[in-house]
C-alpha atoms as a PDB file:
ATOM      1  CA  UNK A   1       0.000   0.000   0.000  1.00  0.00           C
ATOM      2  CA  UNK A   2       1.509   3.277  -1.104  1.00  0.00           C
ATOM      3  CA  UNK A   3       1.036   6.966  -0.497  1.00  0.00           C
ATOM      4  CA  UNK A   4      -1.584   9.070  -2.274  1.00  0.00           C
ATOM      5  CA  UNK A   5      -0.992  12.823  -1.981  1.00  0.00           C
ATOM      6  CA  UNK A   6      -3.802  15.268  -2.683  1.00  0.00           C
ATOM      7  CA  UNK A   7      -3.351  19.028  -2.891  1.00  0.00           C
ATOM      8  CA  UNK A   8      -5.117  21.994  -4.468  1.00  0.00           C
ATOM      9  CA  UNK A   9      -2.031  23.112  -6.386  1.00  0.00           C
ATOM     10  CA  UNK A  10       0.154  22.142  -9.344  1.00  0.00           C
ATOM     11  CA  UNK A  11       3.179  19.924  -8.792  1.00  0.00           C
ATOM     12  CA  UNK A  12       6.244  22.151  -9.081  1.00  0.00           C
ATOM     13  CA  UNK A  13       6.280  25.895  -8.927  1.00  0.00           C
ATOM     14  CA  UNK A  14       6.291  28.278  -5.997  1.00  0.00           C
ATOM     15  CA  UNK A  15       4.624  28.318  -2.607  1.00  0.00           C
ATOM     16  CA  UNK A  16       2.529  25.302  -1.754  1.00  0.00           C
ATOM     17  CA  UNK A  17       3.265  23.885  -5.229  1.00  0.00           C
ATOM     18  CA  UNK A  18       6.928  23.661  -4.245  1.00  0.00           C
ATOM     19  CA  UNK A  19       6.039  21.916  -0.969  1.00  0.00           C
ATOM     20  CA  UNK A  20       3.844  19.489  -2.885  1.00  0.00           C
ATOM     21  CA  UNK A  21       6.676  18.749  -5.317  1.00  0.00           C
ATOM     22  CA  UNK A  22       9.248  18.048  -2.601  1.00  0.00           C
ATOM     23  CA  UNK A  23       6.821  15.861  -0.643  1.00  0.00           C
ATOM     24  CA  UNK A  24       5.883  13.875  -3.749  1.00  0.00           C
ATOM     25  CA  UNK A  25       9.520  13.603  -4.845  1.00  0.00           C
ATOM     26  CA  UNK A  26      10.560  12.229  -1.450  1.00  0.00           C
ATOM     27  CA  UNK A  27       7.750   9.663  -1.547  1.00  0.00           C
ATOM     28  CA  UNK A  28       8.667   8.746  -5.147  1.00  0.00           C
ATOM     29  CA  UNK A  29      12.362   8.284  -4.312  1.00  0.00           C
ATOM     30  CA  UNK A  30      11.493   5.823  -1.534  1.00  0.00           C
ATOM     31  CA  UNK A  31       9.168   3.936  -3.880  1.00  0.00           C
ATOM     32  CA  UNK A  32       6.098   4.591  -1.757  1.00  0.00           C
ATOM     33  CA  UNK A  33       4.270   7.021  -4.057  1.00  0.00           C
ATOM     34  CA  UNK A  34       1.116   5.673  -5.692  1.00  0.00           C
ATOM     35  CA  UNK A  35      -0.426   8.890  -6.992  1.00  0.00           C
ATOM     36  CA  UNK A  36      -0.488  12.658  -6.682  1.00  0.00           C
ATOM     37  CA  UNK A  37      -3.937  14.174  -7.124  1.00  0.00           C
ATOM     38  CA  UNK A  38      -3.468  17.823  -8.030  1.00  0.00           C
ATOM     39  CA  UNK A  39      -4.374  20.565 -10.516  1.00  0.00           C
ATOM     40  CA  UNK A  40      -1.488  20.154 -12.917  1.00  0.00           C
ATOM     41  CA  UNK A  41       2.103  19.120 -13.493  1.00  0.00           C
ATOM     42  CA  UNK A  42       5.028  21.541 -13.940  1.00  0.00           C
ATOM     43  CA  UNK A  43       7.925  19.170 -13.351  1.00  0.00           C
ATOM     44  CA  UNK A  44       9.590  16.185 -15.013  1.00  0.00           C
ATOM     45  CA  UNK A  45      11.279  14.360 -12.123  1.00  0.00           C
ATOM     46  CA  UNK A  46       8.224  12.389 -10.998  1.00  0.00           C
ATOM     47  CA  UNK A  47       6.821  10.171 -13.788  1.00  0.00           C
ATOM     48  CA  UNK A  48       3.670  11.543 -15.401  1.00  0.00           C
ATOM     49  CA  UNK A  49       1.786   8.280 -14.789  1.00  0.00           C
ATOM     50  CA  UNK A  50       1.957   9.019 -11.042  1.00  0.00           C
ATOM     51  CA  UNK A  51       0.415  12.483 -11.459  1.00  0.00           C
ATOM     52  CA  UNK A  52      -3.369  12.568 -11.666  1.00  0.00           C
ATOM     53  CA  UNK A  53      -4.269  16.123 -12.677  1.00  0.00           C
ATOM     54  CA  UNK A  54      -7.894  17.101 -12.209  1.00  0.00           C
ATOM     55  CA  UNK A  55      -9.678  19.886 -13.979  1.00  0.00           C
ATOM     56  CA  UNK A  56     -12.371  22.191 -12.679  1.00  0.00           C
ATOM     57  CA  UNK A  57     -15.826  21.049 -13.664  1.00  0.00           C
ATOM     58  CA  UNK A  58     -18.377  23.834 -14.031  1.00  0.00           C
ATOM     59  CA  UNK A  59     -21.239  23.361 -11.615  1.00  0.00           C
ATOM     60  CA  UNK A  60     -24.559  25.009 -12.221  1.00  0.00           C
ATOM     61  CA  UNK A  61     -26.167  26.456  -9.143  1.00  0.00           C
ATOM     62  CA  UNK A  62     -29.768  27.556  -8.981  1.00  0.00           C
ATOM     63  CA  UNK A  63     -30.882  31.078  -8.204  1.00  0.00           C
ATOM     64  CA  UNK A  64     -31.287  31.598  -4.416  1.00  0.00           C
ATOM     65  CA  UNK A  65     -35.065  31.914  -4.818  1.00  0.00           C
ATOM     66  CA  UNK A  66     -35.159  28.597  -6.686  1.00  0.00           C
ATOM     67  CA  UNK A  67     -32.946  26.946  -4.072  1.00  0.00           C
ATOM     68  CA  UNK A  68     -35.240  28.272  -1.315  1.00  0.00           C
ATOM     69  CA  UNK A  69     -38.301  26.873  -3.134  1.00  0.00           C
ATOM     70  CA  UNK A  70     -36.614  23.483  -3.643  1.00  0.00           C
ATOM     71  CA  UNK A  71     -35.671  23.350   0.034  1.00  0.00           C
ATOM     72  CA  UNK A  72     -39.254  24.107   1.005  1.00  0.00           C
ATOM     73  CA  UNK A  73     -40.523  21.322  -1.261  1.00  0.00           C
ATOM     74  CA  UNK A  74     -38.094  18.820   0.253  1.00  0.00           C
ATOM     75  CA  UNK A  75     -39.050  19.772   3.804  1.00  0.00           C
ATOM     76  CA  UNK A  76     -42.727  19.409   2.859  1.00  0.00           C
ATOM     77  CA  UNK A  77     -42.078  16.074   1.161  1.00  0.00           C
ATOM     78  CA  UNK A  78     -40.493  14.641   4.292  1.00  0.00           C
ATOM     79  CA  UNK A  79     -43.035  16.215   6.620  1.00  0.00           C
ATOM     80  CA  UNK A  80     -40.479  18.270   8.502  1.00  0.00           C
ATOM     81  CA  UNK A  81     -41.360  21.847   9.494  1.00  0.00           C
ATOM     82  CA  UNK A  82     -39.387  24.348   7.457  1.00  0.00           C
ATOM     83  CA  UNK A  83     -37.121  26.402   9.761  1.00  0.00           C
ATOM     84  CA  UNK A  84     -37.844  30.111   9.683  1.00  0.00           C
ATOM     85  CA  UNK A  85     -35.289  32.699  10.665  1.00  0.00           C
ATOM     86  CA  UNK A  86     -35.938  36.417  10.920  1.00  0.00           C
ATOM     87  CA  UNK A  87     -32.261  37.310  11.248  1.00  0.00           C
ATOM     88  CA  UNK A  88     -30.172  38.123  14.284  1.00  0.00           C
ATOM     89  CA  UNK A  89     -31.821  38.045  17.685  1.00  0.00           C
ATOM     90  CA  UNK A  90     -30.969  41.662  18.441  1.00  0.00           C
ATOM     91  CA  UNK A  91     -32.446  42.744  15.085  1.00  0.00           C
ATOM     92  CA  UNK A  92     -35.689  40.913  15.867  1.00  0.00           C
ATOM     93  CA  UNK A  93     -36.086  43.022  19.010  1.00  0.00           C
ATOM     94  CA  UNK A  94     -36.015  46.265  16.993  1.00  0.00           C
ATOM     95  CA  UNK A  95     -39.388  47.546  15.875  1.00  0.00           C
ATOM     96  CA  UNK A  96     -39.940  47.135  12.112  1.00  0.00           C
ATOM     97  CA  UNK A  97     -40.434  50.872  11.700  1.00  0.00           C
ATOM     98  CA  UNK A  98     -36.879  51.544  12.875  1.00  0.00           C
ATOM     99  CA  UNK A  99     -35.002  48.755  11.052  1.00  0.00           C
ATOM    100  CA  UNK A 100     -33.853  51.046   8.249  1.00  0.00           C
ATOM    101  CA  UNK A 101     -32.242  53.421  10.730  1.00  0.00           C
ATOM    102  CA  UNK A 102     -28.475  53.150  11.076  1.00  0.00           C
ATOM    103  CA  UNK A 103     -27.469  51.907  14.517  1.00  0.00           C
ATOM    104  CA  UNK A 104     -23.900  52.864  15.436  1.00  0.00           C
ATOM    105  CA  UNK A 105     -22.037  52.270  18.685  1.00  0.00           C
ATOM    106  CA  UNK A 106     -21.015  55.249  20.797  1.00  0.00           C
ATOM    107  CA  UNK A 107     -17.341  54.771  19.845  1.00  0.00           C
ATOM    108  CA  UNK A 108     -18.053  56.016  16.321  1.00  0.00           C
ATOM    109  CA  UNK A 109     -18.891  59.467  17.678  1.00  0.00           C
ATOM    110  CA  UNK A 110     -15.230  59.804  18.722  1.00  0.00           C
ATOM    111  CA  UNK A 111     -14.215  60.176  15.073  1.00  0.00           C
ATOM    112  CA  UNK A 112     -15.796  63.631  15.009  1.00  0.00           C
ATOM    113  CA  UNK A 113     -13.687  64.841  17.945  1.00  0.00           C
ATOM    114  CA  UNK A 114     -10.356  63.068  17.401  1.00  0.00           C
ATOM    115  CA  UNK A 115      -8.272  63.881  14.336  1.00  0.00           C
ATOM    116  CA  UNK A 116      -5.037  61.997  13.821  1.00  0.00           C
ATOM    117  CA  UNK A 117      -2.666  63.882  11.578  1.00  0.00           C
ATOM    118  CA  UNK A 118       0.707  62.613  10.457  1.00  0.00           C
ATOM    119  CA  UNK A 119       3.583  64.360   8.757  1.00  0.00           C
ATOM    120  CA  UNK A 120       3.032  62.228   5.650  1.00  0.00           C
ATOM    121  CA  UNK A 121      -0.481  63.295   4.849  1.00  0.00           C
END
């Protein structure tokens, strides 16, 4: 049983790609490497048959309203009550008439009184 390495990078290159390359090369030199699952191959030291590059597959996602409707249908199908959430608890306590008003902590009023000026600007 060998080693399978998986990483979201290309083998060879900079950053994490370099770490992936050195890890895979060390496993290959000891004969323990079975496969490297990654996003591409930029090196020639490890045989290409050990590198299993994957490609991004486009995934279609529904519109949020459609996803919400589908979720509701699934909850209804299984007979589970659909969870309702009106937002944060502290927002629920605010009267609906005042929800469009900006609520700012007292610390923000300090910006009107304190001016920090530096020699650079």
